[in-house]
């Protein structure tokens, strides 16, 4: 138990430090490729941080030897967006609320394109509701609709990249690349090397982090199903949450929320598409509760961004939705 706790804390520290290098590197990659700041967050950063858990889902649903292993993949596909739409957004609100004076701001209002964020939430809702509906029904050739989900993500990436070009980076002074701190104009190769190195460390530390969390859960008598559905998604989405924390502390909430919304879109399409293709993709009550909570949280986000002038304090209550979900699932009889 003591060893698990020590490894748990060491991995958390390693993930945070690696995220510092990752966000610094991916910003320079976006600058060198001429990609706008928002697209850098929604596509490059989101793809990188979502890759490890997507790979875990792929292995679970494609190569799983039994239904239990496949269910883990399905749970990850549903649990990821839930954590991102509740805990990650709440963290953004807390950090912005606590740091707004340090950032020399009079209030906690988010400085970003509210209409674009509203559009992102709308895209996610449309796709996620389709994935939820597929989890409630069975019919011939259902599995091939997984390919449609992949196509939806490809369309989203095309939209982000083609509308993300321009001068978004020109008004921002980037910190020096950490691997080449004395070079004011590092090459794309060095930026990619730093980003990929940080991503590798994040992937290894995240897997170890999840493993130690499961060990601690077992020691405390928490059932494996509850660990997989409630605790593991929090751990696997830790890189996205920490990226957001780092960017908000720098006053770059545009990149933070772009990273979160982009990761949510990946989770709603790629892992979900794999689940539809390679499993029965049928939701039991706990997964239905998780999916409905996610839908409710994103609907609230869509309404807030559509209204405009969102502040950090309005995002904090979203974290309570995850607490409510955890309590419902924890006391659900089938989870015991």
Protein backbone atom coordinates (compact mmCIF):
# COMPACT_ATOMS: atom_id res chain seq x y z
CA UNK A 1 0.00 0.00 0.00
CA UNK A 2 2.79 2.44 0.96
CA UNK A 3 4.65 1.68 -2.29
CA UNK A 4 1.46 2.24 -4.30
CA UNK A 5 0.89 5.61 -2.64
CA UNK A 6 4.50 6.69 -3.25
CA UNK A 7 4.35 5.63 -6.92
CA UNK A 8 0.95 7.33 -7.23
CA UNK A 9 2.38 10.66 -6.02
CA UNK A 10 5.58 10.33 -8.07
CA UNK A 11 3.57 9.64 -11.24
CA UNK A 12 1.31 12.62 -10.57
CA UNK A 13 4.39 14.85 -10.27
CA UNK A 14 5.93 13.35 -13.43
CA UNK A 15 2.70 13.93 -15.38
CA UNK A 16 2.53 17.57 -14.27
CA UNK A 17 6.16 18.30 -15.17
CA UNK A 18 5.81 16.51 -18.51
CA UNK A 19 2.69 18.54 -19.26
CA UNK A 20 4.75 21.71 -18.74
CA UNK A 21 7.12 20.51 -21.49
CA UNK A 22 4.24 19.27 -23.66
CA UNK A 23 2.26 22.53 -23.71
CA UNK A 24 5.44 24.49 -24.36
CA UNK A 25 6.45 22.17 -27.21
CA UNK A 26 3.05 21.90 -28.85
CA UNK A 27 2.71 25.69 -28.96
CA UNK A 28 5.97 25.88 -30.90
CA UNK A 29 4.85 23.05 -33.21
CA UNK A 30 1.68 25.01 -33.96
CA UNK A 31 3.71 28.17 -34.57
CA UNK A 32 6.11 26.39 -36.93
CA UNK A 33 3.26 24.74 -38.86
CA UNK A 34 1.36 28.02 -39.13
CA UNK A 35 -1.66 26.60 -37.32
CA UNK A 36 -3.85 28.99 -35.35
CA UNK A 37 -3.81 28.90 -31.55
CA UNK A 38 -7.30 27.43 -31.25
CA UNK A 39 -6.57 24.65 -33.74
CA UNK A 40 -3.31 23.96 -31.90
CA UNK A 41 -5.37 23.23 -28.78
CA UNK A 42 -8.29 21.40 -30.38
CA UNK A 43 -6.24 19.25 -32.77
CA UNK A 44 -2.53 18.97 -31.90
CA UNK A 45 -2.68 19.13 -28.09
CA UNK A 46 -5.94 17.18 -27.86
CA UNK A 47 -4.75 14.42 -30.18
CA UNK A 48 -1.50 14.05 -28.28
CA UNK A 49 -3.01 13.86 -24.79
CA UNK A 50 -5.95 11.67 -25.89
CA UNK A 51 -3.71 9.20 -27.73
CA UNK A 52 -2.70 7.10 -24.68
CA UNK A 53 -6.26 6.43 -23.46
CA UNK A 54 -7.47 5.88 -27.03
CA UNK A 55 -4.77 3.24 -27.40
CA UNK A 56 -5.92 1.59 -24.17
CA UNK A 57 -9.49 1.51 -25.48
CA UNK A 58 -8.28 0.06 -28.79
CA UNK A 59 -6.41 -2.77 -27.08
CA UNK A 60 -9.33 -3.50 -24.72
CA UNK A 61 -12.08 -3.69 -27.36
CA UNK A 62 -10.08 -5.24 -30.21
CA UNK A 63 -7.83 -7.70 -28.37
CA UNK A 64 -9.83 -8.25 -25.18
CA UNK A 65 -10.23 -11.97 -24.43
CA UNK A 66 -13.54 -11.68 -22.60
CA UNK A 67 -16.55 -9.41 -22.20
CA UNK A 68 -15.15 -7.91 -18.98
CA UNK A 69 -12.10 -6.54 -20.77
CA UNK A 70 -14.25 -5.14 -23.57
CA UNK A 71 -16.52 -3.49 -20.99
CA UNK A 72 -13.48 -1.65 -19.62
CA UNK A 73 -12.94 -0.14 -23.08
CA UNK A 74 -16.59 0.88 -23.35
CA UNK A 75 -16.47 2.43 -19.87
CA UNK A 76 -13.36 4.43 -20.82
CA UNK A 77 -15.07 5.72 -23.97
CA UNK A 78 -18.02 7.01 -21.95
CA UNK A 79 -16.15 8.05 -18.80
CA UNK A 80 -13.60 10.25 -20.59
CA UNK A 81 -16.05 12.88 -21.88
CA UNK A 82 -17.81 12.88 -18.51
CA UNK A 83 -14.63 13.82 -16.64
CA UNK A 84 -13.63 16.43 -19.22
CA UNK A 85 -17.05 18.12 -19.29
CA UNK A 86 -17.29 18.31 -15.49
CA UNK A 87 -14.02 18.12 -13.56
CA UNK A 88 -11.74 19.65 -16.22
CA UNK A 89 -14.01 22.65 -16.80
CA UNK A 90 -14.43 23.08 -13.03
CA UNK A 91 -10.62 23.11 -12.64
CA UNK A 92 -10.41 25.87 -15.26
CA UNK A 93 -12.94 27.87 -13.24
CA UNK A 94 -11.13 27.34 -9.93
CA UNK A 95 -7.70 28.26 -11.34
CA UNK A 96 -9.00 31.35 -13.13
CA UNK A 97 -10.88 32.44 -10.00
CA UNK A 98 -7.76 32.04 -7.83
CA UNK A 99 -5.28 33.55 -10.33
CA UNK A 100 -7.19 36.46 -11.88
CA UNK A 101 -5.48 39.05 -9.65
CA UNK A 102 -2.06 37.60 -10.45
CA UNK A 103 -3.00 37.92 -14.13
CA UNK A 104 -3.93 41.57 -13.44
CA UNK A 105 -7.58 41.08 -14.35
CA UNK A 106 -10.50 42.86 -12.74
CA UNK A 107 -12.74 39.78 -12.93
CA UNK A 108 -12.76 36.08 -13.87
CA UNK A 109 -14.39 36.48 -17.27
CA UNK A 110 -12.96 34.09 -19.90
CA UNK A 111 -11.17 35.86 -22.75
CA UNK A 112 -11.92 33.73 -25.78
CA UNK A 113 -14.27 33.26 -28.72
CA UNK A 114 -17.49 32.24 -26.98
CA UNK A 115 -19.29 31.53 -30.25
CA UNK A 116 -16.59 29.13 -31.36
CA UNK A 117 -16.71 27.28 -28.03
CA UNK A 118 -20.50 27.17 -28.31
CA UNK A 119 -20.14 25.63 -31.77
CA UNK A 120 -17.71 23.02 -30.39
CA UNK A 121 -20.19 22.04 -27.67
CA UNK A 122 -22.94 21.77 -30.28
CA UNK A 123 -20.83 19.46 -32.46
CA UNK A 124 -20.02 17.30 -29.47
CA UNK A 125 -23.66 17.09 -28.35
CA UNK A 126 -24.81 16.00 -31.79
CA UNK A 127 -22.22 13.21 -32.04
CA UNK A 128 -22.44 12.11 -28.41
CA UNK A 129 -26.24 11.80 -28.50
CA UNK A 130 -25.88 9.55 -31.56
CA UNK A 131 -23.34 7.40 -29.69
CA UNK A 132 -25.69 7.28 -26.67
CA UNK A 133 -28.63 6.26 -28.87
CA UNK A 134 -26.55 3.45 -30.38
CA UNK A 135 -25.85 2.22 -26.84
CA UNK A 136 -29.57 1.82 -26.21
CA UNK A 137 -30.52 -0.24 -29.25
CA UNK A 138 -29.50 -3.23 -31.36
CA UNK A 139 -30.05 -3.75 -35.08
CA UNK A 140 -28.27 -5.42 -38.00
CA UNK A 141 -25.19 -3.63 -39.34
CA UNK A 142 -25.09 -1.38 -36.26
CA UNK A 143 -21.35 -1.91 -35.90
CA UNK A 144 -20.56 -0.27 -39.23
CA UNK A 145 -21.84 3.04 -37.88
CA UNK A 146 -18.55 3.16 -35.97
CA UNK A 147 -16.94 4.20 -39.25
CA UNK A 148 -19.38 7.12 -39.43
CA UNK A 149 -18.05 8.30 -36.05
CA UNK A 150 -14.49 8.21 -37.41
CA UNK A 151 -15.66 10.27 -40.38
CA UNK A 152 -17.25 12.80 -38.02
CA UNK A 153 -13.90 13.34 -36.31
CA UNK A 154 -12.12 13.73 -39.65
CA UNK A 155 -14.67 16.40 -40.61
CA UNK A 156 -14.14 18.14 -37.27
CA UNK A 157 -10.35 18.22 -37.75
CA UNK A 158 -10.75 19.61 -41.27
CA UNK A 159 -13.04 22.32 -39.95
CA UNK A 160 -10.67 23.25 -37.12
CA UNK A 161 -7.55 23.40 -39.30
CA UNK A 162 -9.13 25.30 -42.17
CA UNK A 163 -10.69 27.90 -39.85
CA UNK A 164 -7.73 27.95 -37.45
CA UNK A 165 -5.16 29.46 -39.82
CA UNK A 166 -4.40 33.13 -39.65
CA UNK A 167 -2.77 35.49 -37.19
CA UNK A 168 -3.94 34.01 -33.90
CA UNK A 169 -0.36 33.45 -32.73
CA UNK A 170 1.06 36.78 -33.82
CA UNK A 171 -0.12 38.71 -30.75
CA UNK A 172 1.32 36.18 -28.29
CA UNK A 173 4.92 35.91 -27.16
CA UNK A 174 5.80 32.25 -26.61
CA UNK A 175 8.12 31.14 -23.85
CA UNK A 176 11.46 29.76 -25.15
CA UNK A 177 11.39 26.08 -26.08
CA UNK A 178 12.57 24.30 -22.94
CA UNK A 179 14.90 21.94 -24.84
CA UNK A 180 16.48 24.95 -26.62
CA UNK A 181 16.00 27.71 -24.08
CA UNK A 182 18.69 29.98 -25.55
CA UNK A 183 17.37 29.74 -29.11
CA UNK A 184 14.73 32.44 -29.79
CA UNK A 185 13.68 30.70 -33.00
CA UNK A 186 13.82 26.89 -32.51
CA UNK A 187 13.25 24.56 -35.45
CA UNK A 188 10.18 22.39 -36.02
CA UNK A 189 12.32 19.29 -35.47
CA UNK A 190 13.31 20.38 -31.96
CA UNK A 191 9.73 21.39 -31.12
CA UNK A 192 8.44 18.00 -32.27
CA UNK A 193 11.19 16.17 -30.37
CA UNK A 194 10.32 17.92 -27.11
CA UNK A 195 6.58 17.39 -27.63
CA UNK A 196 6.91 13.67 -28.43
CA UNK A 197 9.36 13.09 -25.55
CA UNK A 198 6.99 14.73 -23.10
CA UNK A 199 4.07 12.75 -24.54
CA UNK A 200 5.97 9.47 -24.07
CA UNK A 201 6.65 10.29 -20.42
CA UNK A 202 2.99 11.28 -19.93
CA UNK A 203 1.83 7.98 -21.45
CA UNK A 204 4.12 5.84 -19.26
CA UNK A 205 3.41 7.81 -16.09
CA UNK A 206 -0.35 7.80 -16.77
CA UNK A 207 -0.46 4.01 -17.18
CA UNK A 208 1.47 3.57 -13.93
CA UNK A 209 -0.74 6.17 -12.25
CA UNK A 210 -3.91 4.27 -13.21
CA UNK A 211 -2.39 0.98 -12.06
CA UNK A 212 -1.52 2.37 -8.64
CA UNK A 213 -4.97 3.93 -8.35
CA UNK A 214 -6.50 0.50 -8.98
CA UNK A 215 -4.19 -1.04 -6.35
CA UNK A 216 -5.20 1.59 -3.79
CA UNK A 217 -8.88 1.06 -4.65
CA UNK A 218 -8.52 -2.69 -4.14
CA UNK A 219 -6.74 -2.17 -0.82
CA UNK A 220 -9.55 0.12 0.35
CA UNK A 221 -12.18 -2.42 -0.69
CA UNK A 222 -13.57 -0.46 -3.64
CA UNK A 223 -14.98 -2.78 -6.32
CA UNK A 224 -13.07 -3.00 -9.66
CA UNK A 225 -16.20 -1.83 -11.52
CA UNK A 226 -16.40 1.34 -9.43
CA UNK A 227 -12.67 1.99 -9.89
CA UNK A 228 -13.01 1.55 -13.67
CA UNK A 229 -16.10 3.74 -13.98
CA UNK A 230 -15.48 6.46 -11.39
CA UNK A 231 -11.76 6.74 -10.58
CA UNK A 232 -9.91 5.53 -13.69
CA UNK A 233 -11.40 8.14 -16.08
CA UNK A 234 -10.24 10.88 -13.70
CA UNK A 235 -6.72 9.48 -13.90
CA UNK A 236 -6.68 8.94 -17.67
CA UNK A 237 -7.91 12.49 -18.32
CA UNK A 238 -5.34 13.97 -15.93
CA UNK A 239 -3.02 15.22 -18.73
CA UNK A 240 -5.80 17.27 -20.35
CA UNK A 241 -6.79 18.69 -16.96
CA UNK A 242 -3.21 19.59 -16.07
CA UNK A 243 -2.63 21.15 -19.50
CA UNK A 244 -5.67 23.33 -18.85
CA UNK A 245 -4.37 24.26 -15.40
CA UNK A 246 -0.99 25.30 -16.84
CA UNK A 247 -2.47 27.33 -19.69
CA UNK A 248 -5.01 29.12 -17.46
CA UNK A 249 -2.27 30.09 -15.01
CA UNK A 250 -0.52 31.69 -18.01
CA UNK A 251 -3.69 33.55 -18.94
CA UNK A 252 -4.26 31.41 -22.03
CA UNK A 253 -7.68 29.97 -21.32
CA UNK A 254 -8.36 29.93 -25.07
CA UNK A 255 -5.80 27.15 -25.47
CA UNK A 256 -6.95 25.42 -22.27
CA UNK A 257 -10.60 25.15 -23.33
CA UNK A 258 -9.65 24.34 -26.92
CA UNK A 259 -7.60 21.41 -25.60
CA UNK A 260 -10.51 20.16 -23.47
CA UNK A 261 -13.13 20.50 -26.22
CA UNK A 262 -10.84 18.84 -28.75
CA UNK A 263 -10.15 15.93 -26.40
CA UNK A 264 -13.90 15.56 -25.79
CA UNK A 265 -14.49 15.35 -29.52
CA UNK A 266 -11.85 12.63 -29.88
CA UNK A 267 -13.39 10.65 -27.02
CA UNK A 268 -16.87 10.91 -28.56
CA UNK A 269 -15.70 9.61 -31.95
CA UNK A 270 -12.54 7.49 -31.94
CA UNK A 271 -12.94 5.34 -28.76
CA UNK A 272 -16.72 5.31 -29.26
CA UNK A 273 -16.28 4.28 -32.89
CA UNK A 274 -13.99 1.44 -31.79
CA UNK A 275 -16.57 0.36 -29.23
CA UNK A 276 -19.38 0.31 -31.80
CA UNK A 277 -17.22 -1.64 -34.26
CA UNK A 278 -15.81 -4.27 -31.91
CA UNK A 279 -18.31 -4.66 -29.04
CA UNK A 280 -22.06 -4.94 -28.62
CA UNK A 281 -22.03 -1.29 -27.44
CA UNK A 282 -24.99 -1.77 -25.11
CA UNK A 283 -25.25 0.48 -22.05
CA UNK A 284 -26.29 -0.74 -18.62
CA UNK A 285 -27.75 1.67 -16.01
CA UNK A 286 -24.36 3.03 -14.74
CA UNK A 287 -23.23 3.87 -18.29
CA UNK A 288 -26.59 5.45 -19.05
CA UNK A 289 -26.24 7.64 -15.95
CA UNK A 290 -22.70 8.61 -17.05
CA UNK A 291 -23.83 9.45 -20.59
CA UNK A 292 -26.84 11.46 -19.37
CA UNK A 293 -24.66 13.40 -16.92
CA UNK A 294 -22.24 14.24 -19.73
CA UNK A 295 -25.12 15.35 -21.96
CA UNK A 296 -26.46 17.58 -19.19
CA UNK A 297 -23.06 19.15 -18.48
CA UNK A 298 -22.35 19.88 -22.15
CA UNK A 299 -25.83 21.31 -22.64
CA UNK A 300 -25.12 23.75 -19.80
CA UNK A 301 -21.78 24.64 -21.39
CA UNK A 302 -23.44 25.17 -24.77
CA UNK A 303 -25.99 27.54 -23.22
CA UNK A 304 -23.31 29.47 -21.31
CA UNK A 305 -21.01 29.96 -24.28
CA UNK A 306 -23.94 30.76 -26.55
CA UNK A 307 -24.97 33.51 -24.14
CA UNK A 308 -21.38 34.84 -24.06
CA UNK A 309 -19.38 36.47 -21.24
CA UNK A 310 -18.65 33.25 -19.33
CA UNK A 311 -16.73 33.66 -16.08
CA UNK A 312 -14.67 31.21 -14.08
CA UNK A 313 -17.14 31.05 -11.18
CA UNK A 314 -19.89 29.73 -13.48
CA UNK A 315 -17.72 26.75 -14.46
CA UNK A 316 -16.96 25.58 -10.91
CA UNK A 317 -20.40 24.01 -10.19
CA UNK A 318 -19.90 21.61 -13.12
CA UNK A 319 -17.63 19.59 -10.85
CA UNK A 320 -20.61 18.89 -8.59
CA UNK A 321 -22.26 16.99 -11.45
CA UNK A 322 -19.41 14.47 -11.34
CA UNK A 323 -19.80 14.14 -7.57
CA UNK A 324 -23.52 13.52 -8.05
CA UNK A 325 -22.80 10.91 -10.74
CA UNK A 326 -20.27 9.15 -8.50
CA UNK A 327 -22.73 8.99 -5.61
CA UNK A 328 -25.52 7.58 -7.81
CA UNK A 329 -23.27 4.91 -9.31
CA UNK A 330 -21.60 4.06 -5.99
CA UNK A 331 -24.96 3.30 -4.39
CA UNK A 332 -26.41 1.54 -7.41
CA UNK A 333 -27.01 -2.12 -6.33
CA UNK A 334 -25.29 -3.65 -9.38
CA UNK A 335 -22.12 -1.79 -8.52
CA UNK A 336 -21.74 -3.44 -5.17
